[in-house]
């Protein structure tokens, strides 16, 4: 599992932005978890592509909410 630090940092930043500035969107943090590790206990893993997709989902939710004037 070789996930870039830049991706993890950006994911953390967007998540924190939602938590701090758009608390009404926090429910989406759990609902969009396509990033849950896949596999049996002890061998479960997650890949960078899954995290990128999750990051993009969060950005889209946040940006759409901002565009709607909230």
N, C-alpha and C. Protein backbone atom coordinates (compact mmCIF):
# COMPACT_ATOMS: atom_id res chain seq x y z
N UNK A 1 0.86 -1.18 0.00
CA UNK A 1 0.00 0.00 0.00
C UNK A 1 0.90 1.23 0.00
N UNK A 2 0.96 1.86 -1.15
CA UNK A 2 1.82 3.02 -1.31
C UNK A 2 0.96 4.23 -1.65
N UNK A 3 0.42 4.86 -0.63
CA UNK A 3 -0.47 6.01 -0.82
C UNK A 3 0.33 7.27 -0.57
N UNK A 4 0.24 8.20 -1.48
CA UNK A 4 1.04 9.42 -1.39
C UNK A 4 0.62 10.29 -0.21
N UNK A 5 1.60 10.91 0.38
CA UNK A 5 1.35 11.81 1.50
C UNK A 5 0.54 13.02 1.05
N UNK A 6 0.77 13.46 -0.19
CA UNK A 6 0.03 14.61 -0.72
C UNK A 6 -1.47 14.30 -0.78
N UNK A 7 -1.82 13.12 -1.23
CA UNK A 7 -3.23 12.72 -1.31
C UNK A 7 -3.85 12.65 0.07
N UNK A 8 -3.15 12.06 1.01
CA UNK A 8 -3.67 11.95 2.38
C UNK A 8 -3.84 13.33 3.01
N UNK A 9 -2.90 14.22 2.75
CA UNK A 9 -2.99 15.58 3.27
C UNK A 9 -4.18 16.32 2.68
N UNK A 10 -4.38 16.19 1.38
CA UNK A 10 -5.51 16.87 0.74
C UNK A 10 -6.84 16.31 1.24
N UNK A 11 -6.90 15.00 1.40
CA UNK A 11 -8.11 14.38 1.93
C UNK A 11 -8.41 14.88 3.33
N UNK A 12 -7.39 14.99 4.14
CA UNK A 12 -7.54 15.50 5.50
C UNK A 12 -8.00 16.96 5.49
N UNK A 13 -7.45 17.76 4.59
CA UNK A 13 -7.80 19.18 4.50
C UNK A 13 -9.26 19.37 4.09
N UNK A 14 -9.71 18.62 3.11
CA UNK A 14 -11.10 18.74 2.65
C UNK A 14 -12.05 18.25 3.74
N UNK A 15 -11.71 17.16 4.38
CA UNK A 15 -12.54 16.64 5.47
C UNK A 15 -12.65 17.66 6.59
N UNK A 16 -11.55 18.27 6.95
CA UNK A 16 -11.54 19.28 8.02
C UNK A 16 -12.35 20.50 7.61
N UNK A 17 -12.24 20.91 6.35
CA UNK A 17 -13.03 22.04 5.85
C UNK A 17 -14.52 21.76 6.00
N UNK A 18 -14.94 20.55 5.63
CA UNK A 18 -16.35 20.19 5.77
C UNK A 18 -16.75 20.19 7.25
N UNK A 19 -15.94 19.61 8.09
CA UNK A 19 -16.26 19.55 9.51
C UNK A 19 -16.35 20.93 10.14
N UNK A 20 -15.44 21.82 9.77
CA UNK A 20 -15.38 23.15 10.38
C UNK A 20 -16.36 24.16 9.79
N UNK A 21 -16.55 24.11 8.47
CA UNK A 21 -17.30 25.15 7.79
C UNK A 21 -18.67 24.72 7.27
N UNK A 22 -18.88 23.44 7.14
CA UNK A 22 -20.15 22.93 6.61
C UNK A 22 -20.61 21.72 7.42
N UNK A 23 -20.83 21.91 8.72
CA UNK A 23 -21.17 20.77 9.58
C UNK A 23 -22.42 20.02 9.11
N UNK A 24 -23.31 20.69 8.40
CA UNK A 24 -24.50 20.02 7.90
C UNK A 24 -24.16 18.96 6.84
N UNK A 25 -22.96 19.00 6.30
CA UNK A 25 -22.53 18.02 5.31
C UNK A 25 -21.78 16.84 5.92
N UNK A 26 -21.56 16.87 7.21
CA UNK A 26 -20.81 15.79 7.86
C UNK A 26 -21.43 14.43 7.64
N UNK A 27 -22.73 14.38 7.48
CA UNK A 27 -23.40 13.10 7.26
C UNK A 27 -22.86 12.43 6.01
N UNK A 28 -22.39 13.20 5.05
CA UNK A 28 -21.85 12.64 3.81
C UNK A 28 -20.47 12.02 4.01
N UNK A 29 -19.80 12.38 5.09
CA UNK A 29 -18.50 11.79 5.34
C UNK A 29 -18.63 10.29 5.56
N UNK A 30 -19.70 9.85 6.18
CA UNK A 30 -19.93 8.43 6.38
C UNK A 30 -20.63 7.79 5.19
N UNK A 31 -21.56 8.50 4.59
CA UNK A 31 -22.36 7.93 3.51
C UNK A 31 -21.56 7.64 2.26
N UNK A 32 -20.46 8.32 2.04
CA UNK A 32 -19.70 8.15 0.82
C UNK A 32 -18.44 7.31 1.03
N UNK A 33 -18.39 6.56 2.08
CA UNK A 33 -17.19 5.79 2.38
C UNK A 33 -17.01 4.61 1.42
N UNK A 34 -16.56 4.92 0.23
CA UNK A 34 -16.22 3.87 -0.73
C UNK A 34 -14.79 3.42 -0.47
N UNK A 35 -14.22 3.94 0.61
CA UNK A 35 -12.82 3.69 0.88
C UNK A 35 -12.60 2.64 1.96
N UNK A 36 -13.65 1.95 2.36
CA UNK A 36 -13.46 0.93 3.37
C UNK A 36 -12.57 -0.17 2.81
N UNK A 37 -11.60 -0.62 3.58
CA UNK A 37 -10.69 -1.66 3.09
C UNK A 37 -11.45 -2.91 2.66
N UNK A 38 -10.99 -3.50 1.59
CA UNK A 38 -11.58 -4.72 1.06
C UNK A 38 -10.67 -5.90 1.39
N UNK A 39 -11.27 -7.01 1.73
CA UNK A 39 -10.49 -8.21 1.99
C UNK A 39 -10.80 -8.78 3.34
N UNK A 40 -10.19 -9.91 3.63
CA UNK A 40 -10.40 -10.59 4.90
C UNK A 40 -9.64 -9.88 6.01
N UNK A 41 -10.06 -10.14 7.24
CA UNK A 41 -9.36 -9.55 8.39
C UNK A 41 -7.87 -9.84 8.30
N UNK A 42 -7.10 -8.83 8.56
CA UNK A 42 -5.65 -8.97 8.53
C UNK A 42 -5.04 -8.76 7.15
N UNK A 43 -5.83 -8.92 6.11
CA UNK A 43 -5.32 -8.73 4.75
C UNK A 43 -6.05 -7.62 4.01
N UNK A 44 -6.95 -6.94 4.70
CA UNK A 44 -7.72 -5.88 4.07
C UNK A 44 -6.79 -4.75 3.63
N UNK A 45 -7.12 -4.17 2.50
CA UNK A 45 -6.29 -3.07 2.00
C UNK A 45 -7.16 -2.06 1.27
N UNK A 46 -6.57 -0.94 1.03
CA UNK A 46 -7.22 0.13 0.30
C UNK A 46 -6.19 0.68 -0.68
N UNK A 47 -6.63 1.13 -1.82
CA UNK A 47 -5.64 1.63 -2.77
C UNK A 47 -5.79 3.13 -3.00
N UNK A 48 -4.83 3.68 -3.65
CA UNK A 48 -4.79 5.12 -3.88
C UNK A 48 -5.95 5.58 -4.76
N UNK A 49 -6.33 4.76 -5.71
CA UNK A 49 -7.44 5.13 -6.60
C UNK A 49 -8.75 5.28 -5.81
N UNK A 50 -8.99 4.40 -4.84
CA UNK A 50 -10.18 4.50 -4.00
C UNK A 50 -10.17 5.82 -3.23
N UNK A 51 -9.02 6.19 -2.70
CA UNK A 51 -8.93 7.45 -1.95
C UNK A 51 -9.11 8.66 -2.85
N UNK A 52 -8.60 8.60 -4.05
CA UNK A 52 -8.80 9.70 -5.00
C UNK A 52 -10.28 9.86 -5.32
N UNK A 53 -10.95 8.75 -5.54
CA UNK A 53 -12.38 8.81 -5.83
C UNK A 53 -13.15 9.40 -4.66
N UNK A 54 -12.81 8.99 -3.45
CA UNK A 54 -13.46 9.52 -2.25
C UNK A 54 -13.20 11.01 -2.12
N UNK A 55 -11.98 11.44 -2.34
CA UNK A 55 -11.64 12.86 -2.28
C UNK A 55 -12.47 13.65 -3.29
N UNK A 56 -12.58 13.14 -4.50
CA UNK A 56 -13.36 13.82 -5.53
C UNK A 56 -14.84 13.90 -5.15
N UNK A 57 -15.37 12.83 -4.55
CA UNK A 57 -16.76 12.84 -4.09
C UNK A 57 -16.98 13.94 -3.05
N UNK A 58 -16.07 14.03 -2.09
CA UNK A 58 -16.20 15.05 -1.05
C UNK A 58 -16.11 16.45 -1.62
N UNK A 59 -15.20 16.66 -2.54
CA UNK A 59 -15.07 17.98 -3.17
C UNK A 59 -16.33 18.35 -3.93
N UNK A 60 -16.89 17.39 -4.66
CA UNK A 60 -18.11 17.66 -5.42
C UNK A 60 -19.27 18.02 -4.51
N UNK A 61 -19.43 17.30 -3.41
CA UNK A 61 -20.50 17.59 -2.46
C UNK A 61 -20.32 18.98 -1.87
N UNK A 62 -19.10 19.29 -1.44
CA UNK A 62 -18.82 20.60 -0.83
C UNK A 62 -19.02 21.72 -1.84
N UNK A 63 -18.48 21.56 -3.03
CA UNK A 63 -18.55 22.62 -4.04
C UNK A 63 -19.98 22.86 -4.51
N UNK A 64 -20.75 21.81 -4.69
CA UNK A 64 -22.15 21.95 -5.08
C UNK A 64 -22.92 22.69 -3.99
N UNK A 65 -22.65 22.36 -2.75
CA UNK A 65 -23.31 23.01 -1.62
C UNK A 65 -22.97 24.50 -1.61
N UNK A 66 -21.71 24.83 -1.85
CA UNK A 66 -21.29 26.24 -1.88
C UNK A 66 -21.95 26.99 -3.04
N UNK A 67 -22.05 26.33 -4.21
CA UNK A 67 -22.68 26.95 -5.37
C UNK A 67 -24.16 27.25 -5.14
N UNK A 68 -24.79 26.44 -4.32
CA UNK A 68 -26.21 26.64 -4.03
C UNK A 68 -26.43 27.79 -3.05
N UNK A 69 -25.36 28.41 -2.63
CA UNK A 69 -25.46 29.59 -1.79
C UNK A 69 -25.52 29.37 -0.30
N UNK A 70 -25.04 28.26 0.13
CA UNK A 70 -25.03 27.96 1.56
C UNK A 70 -23.75 28.42 2.21
